Protein backbone atom coordinates (compact mmCIF):
# COMPACT_ATOMS: atom_id res chain seq x y z
CA MET A 1 26.06 -1.77 -5.99
CA SER A 2 25.05 0.12 -9.12
CA SER A 3 24.77 3.89 -8.70
CA VAL A 4 22.17 4.16 -11.44
CA TYR A 5 18.82 2.52 -10.99
CA ARG A 6 17.19 1.11 -14.13
CA PRO A 7 13.66 -0.04 -13.24
CA CYS A 8 13.14 -1.69 -16.63
CA LEU A 9 15.58 -4.44 -15.63
CA TYR A 10 13.24 -5.57 -12.86
CA THR A 11 9.82 -5.22 -14.47
CA VAL A 12 9.55 -8.80 -15.71
CA VAL A 13 10.83 -10.22 -12.44
CA CYS A 14 8.43 -8.05 -10.44
CA LEU A 15 5.52 -9.25 -12.55
CA LEU A 16 6.52 -12.86 -11.99
CA LEU A 17 6.77 -12.20 -8.28
CA SER A 18 3.45 -10.34 -8.10
CA PRO A 19 1.42 -10.51 -4.86
CA VAL A 20 -1.36 -12.45 -6.61
CA LEU A 21 1.00 -15.19 -7.74
CA ARG A 22 2.70 -15.40 -4.36
CA GLY A 23 -0.44 -15.19 -2.25
CA GLN A 24 1.57 -13.12 0.22
CA SER A 25 0.23 -10.59 2.73
CA PHE A 26 1.36 -6.96 2.94
CA ALA A 27 3.11 -7.55 6.26
CA ALA A 28 4.82 -10.70 5.00
CA ALA A 29 6.11 -8.83 1.94
CA ALA A 30 7.49 -6.09 4.17
CA LYS A 31 9.16 -8.61 6.49
CA THR A 32 10.71 -10.42 3.52
CA PHE A 33 12.18 -7.14 2.29
CA VAL A 34 13.54 -6.20 5.72
CA GLU A 35 15.10 -9.64 6.20
CA LEU A 36 17.16 -9.11 3.05
CA LEU A 37 18.76 -5.97 4.47
CA ASN A 38 22.00 -5.94 6.40
CA ASP A 39 22.13 -4.25 9.81
CA ASP A 40 23.28 -0.88 8.47
CA GLN A 41 20.53 -0.90 5.85
CA LYS A 42 17.88 -1.77 8.45
CA VAL A 43 18.87 1.24 10.55
CA LYS A 44 18.09 3.45 7.55
CA ALA A 45 15.02 1.63 6.28
CA VAL A 46 13.04 0.93 9.48
CA LEU A 47 11.90 3.80 11.73
CA PRO A 48 9.31 4.11 14.54
CA PHE A 49 5.69 4.46 13.43
CA ASP A 50 5.04 7.44 15.72
CA MET A 51 8.10 9.34 14.49
CA GLU A 52 7.34 12.83 13.17
CA GLU A 53 9.28 11.92 10.03
CA ARG A 54 6.31 9.83 8.88
CA TYR A 55 4.50 13.09 8.07
CA ASN A 56 7.44 14.57 6.14
CA PHE A 57 5.74 14.35 2.76
CA HIS A 58 7.31 16.07 -0.26
CA TYR A 59 7.84 15.68 -3.99
CA ILE A 60 10.89 17.82 -4.77
CA PRO A 61 14.45 16.49 -5.32
CA LYS A 62 16.01 16.09 -1.86
CA ASP A 63 19.26 14.56 -0.66
CA ASN A 64 18.26 14.20 2.99
CA ARG A 65 15.22 11.93 2.79
CA LYS A 66 14.99 9.25 5.45
CA GLY A 67 14.87 5.64 4.40
CA ILE A 68 16.98 3.56 2.07
CA SER A 69 17.47 4.58 -1.55
CA MET A 70 17.24 2.30 -4.57
CA ASN A 71 20.91 3.10 -5.19
CA GLU A 72 21.79 1.32 -1.93
CA LEU A 73 20.02 -1.94 -2.78
CA ASP A 74 21.29 -4.92 -4.73
CA GLU A 75 19.25 -6.59 -7.47
CA ARG A 76 17.38 -8.99 -5.19
CA GLN A 77 16.57 -6.27 -2.69
CA LYS A 78 15.20 -4.05 -5.47
CA GLN A 79 13.00 -6.87 -6.69
CA GLU A 80 11.58 -7.31 -3.20
CA ALA A 81 11.15 -3.55 -2.79
CA PHE A 82 8.97 -3.40 -5.89
CA HIS A 83 7.10 -6.53 -4.89
CA LEU A 84 6.31 -4.80 -1.59
CA LEU A 85 5.07 -1.69 -3.40
CA ARG A 86 2.80 -3.85 -5.57
CA MET A 87 0.91 -4.88 -2.45
CA GLY A 88 -0.68 -1.41 -2.42
CA ILE A 89 0.03 0.12 -5.83
CA ALA A 90 -1.50 -1.05 -9.11
CA SER A 91 0.83 -2.50 -11.76
CA GLU A 92 -0.07 0.28 -14.21
CA THR A 93 0.91 2.84 -11.59
CA ILE A 94 4.21 1.08 -10.92
CA LYS A 95 4.96 1.45 -14.64
CA LYS A 96 4.20 5.17 -14.44
CA MET A 97 6.48 5.46 -11.42
CA GLN A 98 9.31 3.72 -13.26
CA ASP A 99 8.84 6.06 -16.21
CA ILE A 100 8.88 9.08 -13.89
CA MET A 101 12.12 7.85 -12.35
CA GLN A 102 13.67 7.60 -15.81
CA LEU A 103 12.68 11.21 -16.55
CA GLU A 104 15.50 12.13 -14.15
CA MET A 105 17.87 11.04 -16.93
CA VAL A 106 16.06 13.33 -19.37
CA LEU A 107 16.41 16.24 -16.94
CA ARG A 108 20.08 15.44 -16.38
CA THR A 109 20.67 15.78 -20.12
CA LEU A 110 18.49 18.89 -20.54
CA GLU A 111 20.29 20.62 -17.68
CA GLY A 112 23.75 19.63 -18.95
CA ARG A 113 24.67 17.66 -15.85
CA SER A 114 27.47 15.12 -15.74
CA ALA A 115 26.87 11.37 -15.96
CA ASP A 116 27.72 10.96 -12.26
CA ASP A 117 25.39 13.77 -11.14
CA HIS A 118 23.20 12.84 -8.19
CA TYR A 119 20.79 15.77 -8.13
CA ARG A 120 18.97 14.20 -11.07
CA ASP A 121 19.28 10.53 -10.21
CA PRO A 122 16.76 7.75 -11.02
CA GLY A 123 18.11 5.79 -8.06
CA LYS A 124 17.42 8.57 -5.53
CA TYR A 125 14.05 7.19 -4.48
CA PHE A 126 13.68 6.07 -0.89
CA LEU A 127 11.69 3.30 0.76
CA THR A 128 10.93 3.64 4.46
CA ILE A 129 9.06 1.30 6.80
CA PHE A 130 7.59 2.83 9.94
CA GLY A 131 7.03 0.37 12.78
CA GLN A 132 7.33 -3.42 12.79
CA PRO A 133 5.31 -5.14 10.05
CA GLU A 134 3.23 -8.00 11.46
CA THR A 135 -0.24 -9.25 10.55
CA ASN A 136 -1.61 -7.88 13.84
CA THR A 137 0.30 -4.58 14.15
CA ILE A 138 0.03 -1.00 12.94
CA TRP A 139 2.84 0.07 10.64
CA GLY A 140 3.52 2.29 7.65
CA LEU A 141 5.32 2.38 4.34
CA ARG A 142 6.59 5.30 2.29
CA PHE A 143 8.14 5.38 -1.16
CA GLU A 144 9.31 8.82 -2.16
CA GLY A 145 11.58 10.82 -4.40
CA HIS A 146 11.32 13.55 -7.02
CA HIS A 147 7.73 13.58 -8.33
CA ILE A 148 6.72 10.37 -6.51
CA SER A 149 5.29 9.89 -3.05
CA PHE A 150 3.09 7.10 -1.70
CA ASN A 151 2.30 6.89 2.01
CA PHE A 152 0.60 3.77 3.37
CA SER A 153 -0.71 3.07 6.86
CA VAL A 154 -1.48 -0.59 7.57
CA ASN A 155 -3.57 -2.01 10.43
CA ASN A 156 -4.02 -5.76 10.98
CA ASP A 157 -2.58 -6.41 7.51
CA THR A 158 -5.22 -4.21 5.86
CA ILE A 159 -4.44 -0.88 4.22
CA ALA A 160 -5.99 1.79 6.43
CA ALA A 161 -4.74 4.70 4.32
CA GLY A 162 -2.75 5.24 1.15
CA THR A 163 -2.46 8.99 1.09
CA PRO A 164 -0.97 11.47 0.54
CA SER A 165 0.03 10.16 -2.88
CA PHE A 166 1.74 12.16 -5.58
CA LEU A 167 2.87 11.61 -9.16
CA GLY A 168 4.47 14.28 -11.33
CA ALA A 169 6.21 14.48 -14.68
CA ASN A 170 8.88 16.85 -15.95
CA PRO A 171 8.91 17.13 -18.88
CA ALA A 172 5.21 16.37 -19.21
CA ILE A 173 5.91 15.65 -22.88
CA VAL A 174 9.55 14.90 -23.73
CA GLN A 175 10.58 17.11 -26.64
CA GLU A 176 13.85 15.53 -27.75
CA GLY A 177 16.23 12.62 -27.28
CA PRO A 178 15.63 8.87 -26.98
CA GLN A 179 12.39 9.38 -25.00
CA LYS A 180 10.95 11.98 -27.40
CA ASN A 181 7.13 12.24 -27.20
CA LYS A 182 7.04 10.28 -23.92
CA GLU A 183 4.00 11.50 -21.96
CA VAL A 184 3.85 9.70 -18.64
CA LEU A 185 0.69 11.35 -17.28
CA LYS A 186 -1.15 11.46 -20.59
CA GLU A 187 -4.35 9.91 -19.20
CA GLU A 188 -4.55 12.39 -16.33
CA THR A 189 -4.33 15.19 -18.90
CA ASN A 190 -6.46 13.90 -21.77
CA MET A 191 -9.30 12.59 -19.63
CA ALA A 192 -9.63 15.95 -17.88
CA PHE A 193 -9.82 17.76 -21.21
CA ALA A 194 -12.42 15.22 -22.33
CA LEU A 195 -14.50 16.13 -19.27
CA LEU A 196 -14.07 19.85 -19.91
CA HIS A 197 -15.21 19.43 -23.52
CA ALA A 198 -18.21 17.32 -22.46
CA PHE A 199 -19.70 20.29 -20.60
CA SER A 200 -22.34 22.47 -22.15
CA GLN A 201 -21.34 26.12 -22.52
CA GLN A 202 -23.29 26.97 -19.38
CA GLU A 203 -21.65 24.12 -17.44
CA ARG A 204 -18.19 25.11 -18.63
CA THR A 205 -18.80 28.68 -17.49
CA LYS A 206 -19.40 27.33 -13.98
CA ALA A 207 -16.45 24.92 -14.05
CA VAL A 208 -13.80 27.38 -15.29
CA ILE A 209 -13.39 29.79 -12.40
CA ASP A 210 -10.29 31.68 -13.57
CA THR A 211 -8.13 32.18 -16.65
CA ASN A 212 -5.10 32.45 -14.38
CA VAL A 213 -3.57 29.41 -12.66
CA PRO A 214 -2.00 28.71 -9.25
CA GLY A 215 1.75 28.18 -9.32
CA ASP A 216 1.48 24.66 -7.88
CA ILE A 217 -1.01 22.33 -6.25
CA ILE A 218 -2.88 24.33 -3.63
CA THR A 219 -2.76 21.75 -0.83
CA GLY A 220 1.05 21.74 -0.95
CA ALA A 221 3.01 19.27 1.15
CA GLY A 222 1.47 19.89 4.56
CA ARG A 223 0.35 17.23 7.01
CA LYS A 224 -3.28 18.33 6.65
CA ALA A 225 -4.89 19.09 3.29
CA MET A 226 -7.35 21.96 3.34
CA ILE A 227 -9.28 23.90 0.71
CA GLU A 228 -12.18 25.45 2.58
CA HIS A 229 -14.77 26.26 -0.06
CA PRO A 230 -15.38 24.01 -3.07
CA GLN A 231 -15.65 25.91 -6.35
CA GLY A 232 -16.65 25.20 -9.90
CA ILE A 233 -19.48 22.86 -10.85
CA ARG A 234 -21.19 20.16 -8.81
CA TYR A 235 -21.52 16.63 -10.13
CA SER A 236 -25.31 17.01 -9.90
CA GLU A 237 -25.17 20.03 -12.24
CA MET A 238 -23.36 18.12 -15.02
CA ASN A 239 -25.03 16.54 -18.02
CA GLY A 240 -24.95 12.74 -18.28
CA ALA A 241 -21.94 12.59 -20.62
CA ALA A 242 -19.95 14.91 -18.37
CA GLN A 243 -20.87 12.86 -15.30
CA ARG A 244 -19.49 9.74 -17.00
CA GLU A 245 -16.25 11.57 -17.86
CA MET A 246 -16.03 12.87 -14.29
CA LEU A 247 -16.39 9.37 -12.81
CA ALA A 248 -13.82 7.99 -15.25
CA LEU A 249 -11.33 10.70 -14.22
CA LEU A 250 -12.01 10.10 -10.53
CA GLN A 251 -11.51 6.36 -10.93
CA LEU A 252 -8.26 6.90 -12.84
CA TYR A 253 -6.78 8.43 -9.70
CA ILE A 254 -8.39 6.00 -7.27
CA HIS A 255 -7.18 3.01 -9.26
CA ARG A 256 -3.59 4.05 -8.83
CA TYR A 257 -3.98 1.66 -5.91
CA THR A 258 -4.61 -2.08 -5.91
CA LYS A 259 -8.23 -3.09 -6.43
CA LEU A 260 -9.36 -3.84 -2.87
CA PHE A 261 -8.13 -0.55 -1.47
CA ALA A 262 -9.32 1.41 -4.51
CA ASP A 263 -12.78 -0.12 -4.11
CA ASP A 264 -12.83 0.92 -0.44
CA MET A 265 -11.85 4.49 -1.33
CA LEU A 266 -14.53 4.69 -4.00
CA LYS A 267 -17.11 3.29 -1.58
CA ASP A 268 -16.28 6.06 0.91
CA ILE A 269 -16.55 8.72 -1.80
CA LYS A 270 -19.95 7.40 -2.91
CA ALA A 271 -21.16 7.14 0.69
CA ALA A 272 -20.38 10.85 1.10
CA GLY A 273 -22.44 11.50 -2.04
CA LEU A 274 -21.37 11.85 -5.66
CA ASN A 275 -23.55 14.95 -5.82
CA ASN A 276 -21.23 16.51 -3.24
CA LEU A 277 -18.26 16.29 -5.61
CA TRP A 278 -17.10 19.48 -7.32
CA PHE A 279 -14.92 19.97 -10.40
CA THR A 280 -12.85 23.13 -10.80
CA TRP A 281 -10.79 24.29 -13.79
CA GLU A 282 -8.39 27.22 -14.10
CA GLY A 283 -6.30 28.41 -17.03
CA HIS A 284 -6.30 27.44 -20.69
CA THR A 285 -8.97 25.10 -22.05
CA GLU A 286 -6.99 23.67 -24.99
CA LYS A 287 -4.15 21.19 -24.50
CA LYS A 288 -0.85 22.62 -25.70
CA ILE A 289 2.65 23.12 -24.34
CA GLY A 290 2.72 26.72 -23.18
CA ASN A 291 -0.95 26.66 -22.11
CA PRO A 292 -0.94 26.39 -18.29
CA CYS A 293 -3.94 24.74 -16.65
CA TYR A 294 -5.12 23.42 -13.31
CA TYR A 295 -8.03 21.26 -12.22
CA ARG A 296 -9.38 19.87 -8.97
CA ILE A 297 -11.91 17.29 -7.85
CA GLN A 298 -13.13 18.00 -4.33
CA GLY A 299 -15.63 16.29 -2.07
CA PRO A 300 -16.28 15.71 1.63
CA THR A 301 -13.61 12.97 1.81
CA ILE A 302 -11.14 13.70 -0.98
CA ILE A 303 -9.18 16.30 -2.89
CA ILE A 304 -7.49 15.48 -6.19
CA GLU A 305 -5.36 18.18 -7.81
CA TYR A 306 -3.58 18.48 -11.15
CA ASP A 307 -1.46 21.39 -12.28
CA ASN A 308 0.58 21.93 -15.42
CA THR A 309 2.00 25.40 -14.98
CA GLN A 310 5.79 25.29 -14.64
CA ASN A 311 8.47 25.07 -17.35
CA ASN A 312 6.27 26.67 -20.00
CA ALA A 313 3.36 24.47 -18.95
CA ASN A 314 5.24 21.23 -19.60
CA HIS A 315 5.61 20.07 -15.99
CA ILE A 316 2.76 18.24 -14.24
CA HIS A 317 1.97 17.69 -10.57
CA THR A 318 -0.89 15.46 -9.39
CA VAL A 319 -1.89 14.65 -5.83
CA VAL A 320 -4.55 12.64 -3.98
CA ARG A 321 -5.41 13.69 -0.43
CA ASP A 322 -7.85 11.95 1.92
CA LEU A 323 -9.45 14.65 4.06
CA LYS A 324 -10.18 12.26 6.92
CA ASN A 325 -7.44 9.70 6.66
CA ASP A 326 -4.14 11.09 5.36
CA PHE A 327 -1.26 9.23 7.05
CA GLY A 328 -3.86 6.95 8.65
CA GLY A 329 -5.49 9.76 10.60
CA ASP A 330 -5.17 10.66 14.28
CA GLU A 331 -7.26 7.72 15.46
CA LEU A 332 -4.87 5.12 14.04
CA LEU A 333 -1.90 6.86 15.66
CA GLU A 334 -3.72 6.85 19.00
CA HIS A 335 -4.40 3.10 18.67
CA TYR A 336 -0.70 2.57 18.00
CA ARG A 337 0.35 4.56 21.05
CA GLN A 338 -2.11 2.73 23.30
CA ALA A 339 -0.68 -0.59 22.13
CA HIS A 340 2.84 0.58 22.94
């Protein structure tokens, strides 16, 4: 099996095998993937749903992640792995993920690492299935590696939760080499600046709470996301143009997922009240490498964070946390345990 994963080789095949064209369910896609694994691979890839490992969410380079890495899969297995991910993740997001994985090659070069280095490795991304995927069971799916993490909980073949989810980019803007000027999370950056610049001076004064920035996303990698007191400016305090920019930015993050689940998430956010959403900005207010900044959208059901502070403010982290339903929530786990 190849030790270097090149997602671009599978993009066309994955599009041809998209869930829409196949008419396949999430559970069926997971079962198809598992059936392609040999016994040793299954031991790595399939773990119990109620295992504490399911909550082991992180976005740093790690060698000891549970699951099966892309490096350990053959071509057909990789195709099925990405088909499975497309059941919950939008095609545009899959492309961003593939680009993020290829940034490992940029980092390998920038850091002067050898061609066989495995600290920076675009194949060191792990897929893990928790539980036994059936149309009438509770199970989970995680795809994770450096700067990528998606955590799905599925109940009766319907996505019950898709968070925590994380996308990051280092470099945020590639400065040299074959990928020069590549900016994977450009929309997440530019749309936030568009919102900031849509505020009146009075609104911006409310939104920008500090010229200093946190060193990373505030919610971190814990099982529970918590920021007690919303800060900044309420949606109801924004002018009409700013409200439109705010909704566009919110939907950019929500539509990282496939349409049905994204629509459900947005419905929950609206049910909790758009006027209960807050927008917070810290740091510089002009986009430029070397200008660190941070922003957050926070409401009763959701926290979205973006920071660009590390590596001379050319290193982005973004995260989506569901305040009631991360990892499926406690209620789903209790249902699973009662059934077993």
